[in-house]
Amino acid sequence: FTLPRTYPDANKLLKKLQEIGNTETEKV
């Protein structure tokens, strides 16, 4: 995934990735 901005906090990055990447069949 390529996201705008930087994410120094790994938990915030994972949360954002799950927000955009999770689907009915795939989970980050």
PDB file of all heavy atoms in Angstrom:
ATOM      1  N   PHE A   1       0.847  -1.181   0.000  1.00  0.00           N
ATOM      2  CA  PHE A   1       0.000   0.000   0.000  1.00  0.00           C
ATOM      3  C   PHE A   1       0.888   1.238   0.000  1.00  0.00           C
ATOM      4  O   PHE A   1       1.942   1.247   0.632  1.00  0.00           O
ATOM      5  CB  PHE A   1      -0.887   0.059   1.252  1.00  0.00           C
ATOM      6  CG  PHE A   1      -1.938  -1.002   1.316  1.00  0.00           C
ATOM      7  CD1 PHE A   1      -1.685  -2.207   1.952  1.00  0.00           C
ATOM      8  CD2 PHE A   1      -3.182  -0.799   0.759  1.00  0.00           C
ATOM      9  CE1 PHE A   1      -2.652  -3.190   2.037  1.00  0.00           C
ATOM     10  CE2 PHE A   1      -4.168  -1.775   0.835  1.00  0.00           C
ATOM     11  CZ  PHE A   1      -3.901  -2.970   1.472  1.00  0.00           C
ATOM     12  N   THR A   2       0.452   2.297  -0.666  1.00  0.00           N
ATOM     13  CA  THR A   2       1.128   3.587  -0.605  1.00  0.00           C
ATOM     14  C   THR A   2       0.132   4.604  -0.067  1.00  0.00           C
ATOM     15  O   THR A   2      -0.927   4.809  -0.660  1.00  0.00           O
ATOM     16  CB  THR A   2       1.635   4.014  -1.997  1.00  0.00           C
ATOM     17  OG1 THR A   2       2.538   3.016  -2.483  1.00  0.00           O
ATOM     18  CG2 THR A   2       2.361   5.345  -1.928  1.00  0.00           C
ATOM     19  N   LEU A   3       0.484   5.206   1.070  1.00  0.00           N
ATOM     20  CA  LEU A   3      -0.390   6.165   1.738  1.00  0.00           C
ATOM     21  C   LEU A   3       0.251   7.547   1.757  1.00  0.00           C
ATOM     22  O   LEU A   3       1.458   7.668   1.942  1.00  0.00           O
ATOM     23  CB  LEU A   3      -0.637   5.738   3.190  1.00  0.00           C
ATOM     24  CG  LEU A   3      -1.234   4.362   3.424  1.00  0.00           C
ATOM     25  CD1 LEU A   3      -1.229   4.047   4.909  1.00  0.00           C
ATOM     26  CD2 LEU A   3      -2.643   4.317   2.888  1.00  0.00           C
ATOM     27  N   PRO A   4      -0.546   8.596   1.597  1.00  0.00           N
ATOM     28  CA  PRO A   4       0.018   9.934   1.773  1.00  0.00           C
ATOM     29  C   PRO A   4       0.399  10.144   3.237  1.00  0.00           C
ATOM     30  O   PRO A   4      -0.169   9.494   4.119  1.00  0.00           O
ATOM     31  CB  PRO A   4      -1.122  10.868   1.367  1.00  0.00           C
ATOM     32  CG  PRO A   4      -2.358  10.054   1.430  1.00  0.00           C
ATOM     33  CD  PRO A   4      -1.955   8.612   1.278  1.00  0.00           C
ATOM     34  N   ARG A   5       1.364  10.991   3.483  1.00  0.00           N
ATOM     35  CA  ARG A   5       1.839  11.327   4.830  1.00  0.00           C
ATOM     36  C   ARG A   5       2.784  10.269   5.387  1.00  0.00           C
ATOM     37  O   ARG A   5       3.049   9.263   4.771  1.00  0.00           O
ATOM     38  CB  ARG A   5       0.693  11.550   5.808  1.00  0.00           C
ATOM     39  CG  ARG A   5      -0.223  12.671   5.407  1.00  0.00           C
ATOM     40  CD  ARG A   5      -1.201  12.966   6.528  1.00  0.00           C
ATOM     41  NE  ARG A   5      -2.078  14.036   6.164  1.00  0.00           N
ATOM     42  CZ  ARG A   5      -3.169  13.892   5.409  1.00  0.00           C
ATOM     43  NH1 ARG A   5      -3.497  12.725   4.941  1.00  0.00           N
ATOM     44  NH2 ARG A   5      -3.909  14.933   5.129  1.00  0.00           N
ATOM     45  N   THR A   6       3.242  10.542   6.593  1.00  0.00           N
ATOM     46  CA  THR A   6       4.099   9.586   7.297  1.00  0.00           C
ATOM     47  C   THR A   6       3.378   9.128   8.557  1.00  0.00           C
ATOM     48  O   THR A   6       2.507   9.831   9.073  1.00  0.00           O
ATOM     49  CB  THR A   6       5.449  10.226   7.683  1.00  0.00           C
ATOM     50  OG1 THR A   6       5.205  11.337   8.539  1.00  0.00           O
ATOM     51  CG2 THR A   6       6.215  10.672   6.454  1.00  0.00           C
ATOM     52  N   TYR A   7       3.740   7.970   9.026  1.00  0.00           N
ATOM     53  CA  TYR A   7       3.127   7.377  10.209  1.00  0.00           C
ATOM     54  C   TYR A   7       4.216   6.883  11.150  1.00  0.00           C
ATOM     55  O   TYR A   7       4.633   5.733  11.072  1.00  0.00           O
ATOM     56  CB  TYR A   7       2.218   6.213   9.811  1.00  0.00           C
ATOM     57  CG  TYR A   7       1.014   6.654   9.018  1.00  0.00           C
ATOM     58  CD1 TYR A   7       1.082   6.830   7.637  1.00  0.00           C
ATOM     59  CD2 TYR A   7      -0.198   6.891   9.639  1.00  0.00           C
ATOM     60  CE1 TYR A   7      -0.023   7.244   6.915  1.00  0.00           C
ATOM     61  CE2 TYR A   7      -1.314   7.300   8.926  1.00  0.00           C
ATOM     62  CZ  TYR A   7      -1.222   7.479   7.559  1.00  0.00           C
ATOM     63  OH  TYR A   7      -2.318   7.883   6.850  1.00  0.00           O
ATOM     64  N   PRO A   8       4.688   7.750  12.057  1.00  0.00           N
ATOM     65  CA  PRO A   8       5.734   7.319  12.989  1.00  0.00           C
ATOM     66  C   PRO A   8       5.230   6.290  14.008  1.00  0.00           C
ATOM     67  O   PRO A   8       6.010   5.520  14.545  1.00  0.00           O
ATOM     68  CB  PRO A   8       6.172   8.612  13.678  1.00  0.00           C
ATOM     69  CG  PRO A   8       5.087   9.595  13.425  1.00  0.00           C
ATOM     70  CD  PRO A   8       4.354   9.163  12.209  1.00  0.00           C
ATOM     71  N   ASP A   9       3.921   6.269  14.251  1.00  0.00           N
ATOM     72  CA  ASP A   9       3.329   5.322  15.195  1.00  0.00           C
ATOM     73  C   ASP A   9       2.813   4.111  14.417  1.00  0.00           C
ATOM     74  O   ASP A   9       1.904   4.237  13.585  1.00  0.00           O
ATOM     75  CB  ASP A   9       2.190   5.998  15.963  1.00  0.00           C
ATOM     76  CG  ASP A   9       1.546   5.083  16.997  1.00  0.00           C
ATOM     77  OD1 ASP A   9       1.995   3.937  17.166  1.00  0.00           O
ATOM     78  OD2 ASP A   9       0.571   5.529  17.629  1.00  0.00           O
ATOM     79  N   ALA A  10       3.395   2.951  14.655  1.00  0.00           N
ATOM     80  CA  ALA A  10       3.040   1.728  13.917  1.00  0.00           C
ATOM     81  C   ALA A  10       1.577   1.348  14.100  1.00  0.00           C
ATOM     82  O   ALA A  10       0.944   0.835  13.165  1.00  0.00           O
ATOM     83  CB  ALA A  10       3.942   0.577  14.353  1.00  0.00           C
ATOM     84  N   ASN A  11       1.020   1.588  15.282  1.00  0.00           N
ATOM     85  CA  ASN A  11      -0.387   1.248  15.520  1.00  0.00           C
ATOM     86  C   ASN A  11      -1.331   2.091  14.675  1.00  0.00           C
ATOM     87  O   ASN A  11      -2.331   1.595  14.153  1.00  0.00           O
ATOM     88  CB  ASN A  11      -0.740   1.402  17.001  1.00  0.00           C
ATOM     89  CG  ASN A  11      -0.073   0.348  17.859  1.00  0.00           C
ATOM     90  OD1 ASN A  11       0.200  -0.760  17.394  1.00  0.00           O
ATOM     91  ND2 ASN A  11       0.214   0.694  19.100  1.00  0.00           N
ATOM     92  N   LYS A  12      -1.014   3.394  14.523  1.00  0.00           N
ATOM     93  CA  LYS A  12      -1.847   4.273  13.692  1.00  0.00           C
ATOM     94  C   LYS A  12      -1.760   3.854  12.222  1.00  0.00           C
ATOM     95  O   LYS A  12      -2.754   3.885  11.501  1.00  0.00           O
ATOM     96  CB  LYS A  12      -1.433   5.730  13.856  1.00  0.00           C
ATOM     97  CG  LYS A  12      -1.830   6.299  15.199  1.00  0.00           C
ATOM     98  CD  LYS A  12      -1.441   7.749  15.319  1.00  0.00           C
ATOM     99  CE  LYS A  12      -1.825   8.283  16.689  1.00  0.00           C
ATOM    100  NZ  LYS A  12      -1.449   9.688  16.868  1.00  0.00           N
ATOM    101  N   LEU A  13      -0.564   3.461  11.792  1.00  0.00           N
ATOM    102  CA  LEU A  13      -0.393   2.996  10.418  1.00  0.00           C
ATOM    103  C   LEU A  13      -1.219   1.738  10.186  1.00  0.00           C
ATOM    104  O   LEU A  13      -1.946   1.642   9.189  1.00  0.00           O
ATOM    105  CB  LEU A  13       1.085   2.725  10.115  1.00  0.00           C
ATOM    106  CG  LEU A  13       1.383   2.113   8.747  1.00  0.00           C
ATOM    107  CD1 LEU A  13       0.919   3.015   7.616  1.00  0.00           C
ATOM    108  CD2 LEU A  13       2.864   1.811   8.612  1.00  0.00           C
ATOM    109  N   LEU A  14      -1.122   0.774  11.083  1.00  0.00           N
ATOM    110  CA  LEU A  14      -1.881  -0.473  10.929  1.00  0.00           C
ATOM    111  C   LEU A  14      -3.385  -0.192  10.906  1.00  0.00           C
ATOM    112  O   LEU A  14      -4.114  -0.751  10.084  1.00  0.00           O
ATOM    113  CB  LEU A  14      -1.540  -1.457  12.050  1.00  0.00           C
ATOM    114  CG  LEU A  14      -2.256  -2.803  11.984  1.00  0.00           C
ATOM    115  CD1 LEU A  14      -1.952  -3.537  10.675  1.00  0.00           C
ATOM    116  CD2 LEU A  14      -1.886  -3.667  13.182  1.00  0.00           C
ATOM    117  N   LYS A  15      -3.843   0.698  11.767  1.00  0.00           N
ATOM    118  CA  LYS A  15      -5.271   1.036  11.813  1.00  0.00           C
ATOM    119  C   LYS A  15      -5.724   1.634  10.482  1.00  0.00           C
ATOM    120  O   LYS A  15      -6.777   1.274   9.948  1.00  0.00           O
ATOM    121  CB  LYS A  15      -5.539   2.013  12.957  1.00  0.00           C
ATOM    122  CG  LYS A  15      -6.992   2.329  13.160  1.00  0.00           C
ATOM    123  CD  LYS A  15      -7.210   3.202  14.380  1.00  0.00           C
ATOM    124  CE  LYS A  15      -8.682   3.515  14.554  1.00  0.00           C
ATOM    125  NZ  LYS A  15      -8.942   4.325  15.740  1.00  0.00           N
ATOM    126  N   LYS A  16      -4.924   2.543   9.913  1.00  0.00           N
ATOM    127  CA  LYS A  16      -5.259   3.161   8.623  1.00  0.00           C
ATOM    128  C   LYS A  16      -5.252   2.118   7.511  1.00  0.00           C
ATOM    129  O   LYS A  16      -6.139   2.106   6.652  1.00  0.00           O
ATOM    130  CB  LYS A  16      -4.275   4.297   8.315  1.00  0.00           C
ATOM    131  CG  LYS A  16      -4.574   5.018   7.036  1.00  0.00           C
ATOM    132  CD  LYS A  16      -5.898   5.751   7.122  1.00  0.00           C
ATOM    133  CE  LYS A  16      -6.136   6.582   5.872  1.00  0.00           C
ATOM    134  NZ  LYS A  16      -7.420   7.275   5.892  1.00  0.00           N
ATOM    135  N   LEU A  17      -4.267   1.232   7.521  1.00  0.00           N
ATOM    136  CA  LEU A  17      -4.194   0.184   6.501  1.00  0.00           C
ATOM    137  C   LEU A  17      -5.391  -0.756   6.595  1.00  0.00           C
ATOM    138  O   LEU A  17      -5.938  -1.179   5.567  1.00  0.00           O
ATOM    139  CB  LEU A  17      -2.881  -0.599   6.646  1.00  0.00           C
ATOM    140  CG  LEU A  17      -1.624   0.172   6.244  1.00  0.00           C
ATOM    141  CD1 LEU A  17      -0.382  -0.537   6.752  1.00  0.00           C
ATOM    142  CD2 LEU A  17      -1.570   0.372   4.745  1.00  0.00           C
ATOM    143  N   GLN A  18      -5.817  -1.087   7.804  1.00  0.00           N
ATOM    144  CA  GLN A  18      -6.991  -1.942   7.970  1.00  0.00           C
ATOM    145  C   GLN A  18      -8.241  -1.232   7.476  1.00  0.00           C
ATOM    146  O   GLN A  18      -9.112  -1.840   6.866  1.00  0.00           O
ATOM    147  CB  GLN A  18      -7.142  -2.354   9.439  1.00  0.00           C
ATOM    148  CG  GLN A  18      -6.093  -3.342   9.874  1.00  0.00           C
ATOM    149  CD  GLN A  18      -6.104  -3.612  11.366  1.00  0.00           C
ATOM    150  OE1 GLN A  18      -6.550  -2.789  12.163  1.00  0.00           O
ATOM    151  NE2 GLN A  18      -5.590  -4.775  11.749  1.00  0.00           N
ATOM    152  N   GLU A  19      -8.303   0.071   7.695  1.00  0.00           N
ATOM    153  CA  GLU A  19      -9.441   0.870   7.254  1.00  0.00           C
ATOM    154  C   GLU A  19      -9.598   0.824   5.732  1.00  0.00           C
ATOM    155  O   GLU A  19     -10.705   0.697   5.223  1.00  0.00           O
ATOM    156  CB  GLU A  19      -9.224   2.310   7.721  1.00  0.00           C
ATOM    157  CG  GLU A  19     -10.355   3.261   7.494  1.00  0.00           C
ATOM    158  CD  GLU A  19     -10.002   4.643   8.020  1.00  0.00           C
ATOM    159  OE1 GLU A  19      -9.723   4.774   9.233  1.00  0.00           O
ATOM    160  OE2 GLU A  19      -9.996   5.595   7.215  1.00  0.00           O
ATOM    161  N   ILE A  20      -8.473   0.934   5.017  1.00  0.00           N
ATOM    162  CA  ILE A  20      -8.558   0.959   3.551  1.00  0.00           C
ATOM    163  C   ILE A  20      -8.367  -0.403   2.896  1.00  0.00           C
ATOM    164  O   ILE A  20      -8.797  -0.612   1.766  1.00  0.00           O
ATOM    165  CB  ILE A  20      -7.553   1.963   2.941  1.00  0.00           C
ATOM    166  CG1 ILE A  20      -6.108   1.554   3.231  1.00  0.00           C
ATOM    167  CG2 ILE A  20      -7.837   3.360   3.403  1.00  0.00           C
ATOM    168  CD1 ILE A  20      -5.092   2.338   2.456  1.00  0.00           C
ATOM    169  N   GLY A  21      -7.732  -1.345   3.599  1.00  0.00           N
ATOM    170  CA  GLY A  21      -7.386  -2.619   2.985  1.00  0.00           C
ATOM    171  C   GLY A  21      -8.300  -3.789   3.306  1.00  0.00           C
ATOM    172  O   GLY A  21      -8.327  -4.774   2.566  1.00  0.00           O
ATOM    173  N   ASN A  22      -9.035  -3.697   4.400  1.00  0.00           N
ATOM    174  CA  ASN A  22      -9.909  -4.812   4.773  1.00  0.00           C
ATOM    175  C   ASN A  22     -11.126  -4.872   3.854  1.00  0.00           C
ATOM    176  O   ASN A  22     -11.761  -3.858   3.574  1.00  0.00           O
ATOM    177  CB  ASN A  22     -10.379  -4.682   6.221  1.00  0.00           C
ATOM    178  CG  ASN A  22      -9.301  -5.027   7.220  1.00  0.00           C
ATOM    179  OD1 ASN A  22      -8.210  -5.464   6.866  1.00  0.00           O
ATOM    180  ND2 ASN A  22      -9.599  -4.821   8.484  1.00  0.00           N
ATOM    181  N   THR A  23     -11.411  -6.085   3.383  1.00  0.00           N
ATOM    182  CA  THR A  23     -12.607  -6.328   2.579  1.00  0.00           C
ATOM    183  C   THR A  23     -13.335  -7.513   3.206  1.00  0.00           C
ATOM    184  O   THR A  23     -12.932  -8.019   4.255  1.00  0.00           O
ATOM    185  CB  THR A  23     -12.233  -6.659   1.112  1.00  0.00           C
ATOM    186  OG1 THR A  23     -11.516  -7.897   1.074  1.00  0.00           O
ATOM    187  CG2 THR A  23     -11.391  -5.555   0.484  1.00  0.00           C
ATOM    188  N   GLU A  24     -14.375  -7.971   2.529  1.00  0.00           N
ATOM    189  CA  GLU A  24     -15.117  -9.118   3.056  1.00  0.00           C
ATOM    190  C   GLU A  24     -14.284 -10.397   3.043  1.00  0.00           C
ATOM    191  O   GLU A  24     -14.514 -11.300   3.834  1.00  0.00           O
ATOM    192  CB  GLU A  24     -16.401  -9.321   2.259  1.00  0.00           C
ATOM    193  CG  GLU A  24     -17.426  -8.234   2.498  1.00  0.00           C
ATOM    194  CD  GLU A  24     -18.713  -8.490   1.742  1.00  0.00           C
ATOM    195  OE1 GLU A  24     -18.975  -9.641   1.340  1.00  0.00           O
ATOM    196  OE2 GLU A  24     -19.465  -7.521   1.562  1.00  0.00           O
ATOM    197  N   THR A  25     -13.307 -10.464   2.125  1.00  0.00           N
ATOM    198  CA  THR A  25     -12.516 -11.692   2.001  1.00  0.00           C
ATOM    199  C   THR A  25     -11.056 -11.538   2.419  1.00  0.00           C
ATOM    200  O   THR A  25     -10.361 -12.532   2.587  1.00  0.00           O
ATOM    201  CB  THR A  25     -12.548 -12.210   0.550  1.00  0.00           C
ATOM    202  OG1 THR A  25     -12.038 -11.184  -0.314  1.00  0.00           O
ATOM    203  CG2 THR A  25     -13.959 -12.586   0.142  1.00  0.00           C
ATOM    204  N   GLU A  26     -10.575 -10.296   2.573  1.00  0.00           N
ATOM    205  CA  GLU A  26      -9.176 -10.056   2.919  1.00  0.00           C
ATOM    206  C   GLU A  26      -9.077  -9.154   4.144  1.00  0.00           C
ATOM    207  O   GLU A  26      -9.802  -8.178   4.260  1.00  0.00           O
ATOM    208  CB  GLU A  26      -8.436  -9.385   1.760  1.00  0.00           C
ATOM    209  CG  GLU A  26      -8.357 -10.230   0.512  1.00  0.00           C
ATOM    210  CD  GLU A  26      -7.674  -9.488  -0.641  1.00  0.00           C
ATOM    211  OE1 GLU A  26      -7.260  -8.319  -0.465  1.00  0.00           O
ATOM    212  OE2 GLU A  26      -7.562 -10.083  -1.711  1.00  0.00           O
ATOM    213  N   LYS A  27      -8.136  -9.487   5.028  1.00  0.00           N
ATOM    214  CA  LYS A  27      -7.901  -8.695   6.236  1.00  0.00           C
ATOM    215  C   LYS A  27      -6.412  -8.386   6.350  1.00  0.00           C
ATOM    216  O   LYS A  27      -5.567  -9.261   6.175  1.00  0.00           O
ATOM    217  CB  LYS A  27      -8.349  -9.444   7.497  1.00  0.00           C
ATOM    218  CG  LYS A  27      -9.812  -9.849   7.502  1.00  0.00           C
ATOM    219  CD  LYS A  27     -10.740  -8.658   7.504  1.00  0.00           C
ATOM    220  CE  LYS A  27     -12.183  -9.133   7.487  1.00  0.00           C
ATOM    221  NZ  LYS A  27     -13.125  -8.086   7.168  1.00  0.00           N
ATOM    222  N   VAL A  28      -6.096  -7.127   6.649  1.00  0.00           N
ATOM    223  CA  VAL A  28      -4.717  -6.722   6.920  1.00  0.00           C
ATOM    224  C   VAL A  28      -4.428  -7.078   8.367  1.00  0.00           C
ATOM    225  O   VAL A  28      -5.149  -6.658   9.274  1.00  0.00           O
ATOM    226  CB  VAL A  28      -4.528  -5.207   6.692  1.00  0.00           C
ATOM    227  CG1 VAL A  28      -3.117  -4.770   7.060  1.00  0.00           C
ATOM    228  CG2 VAL A  28      -4.857  -4.831   5.246  1.00  0.00           C
TER     229      VAL A  28
END
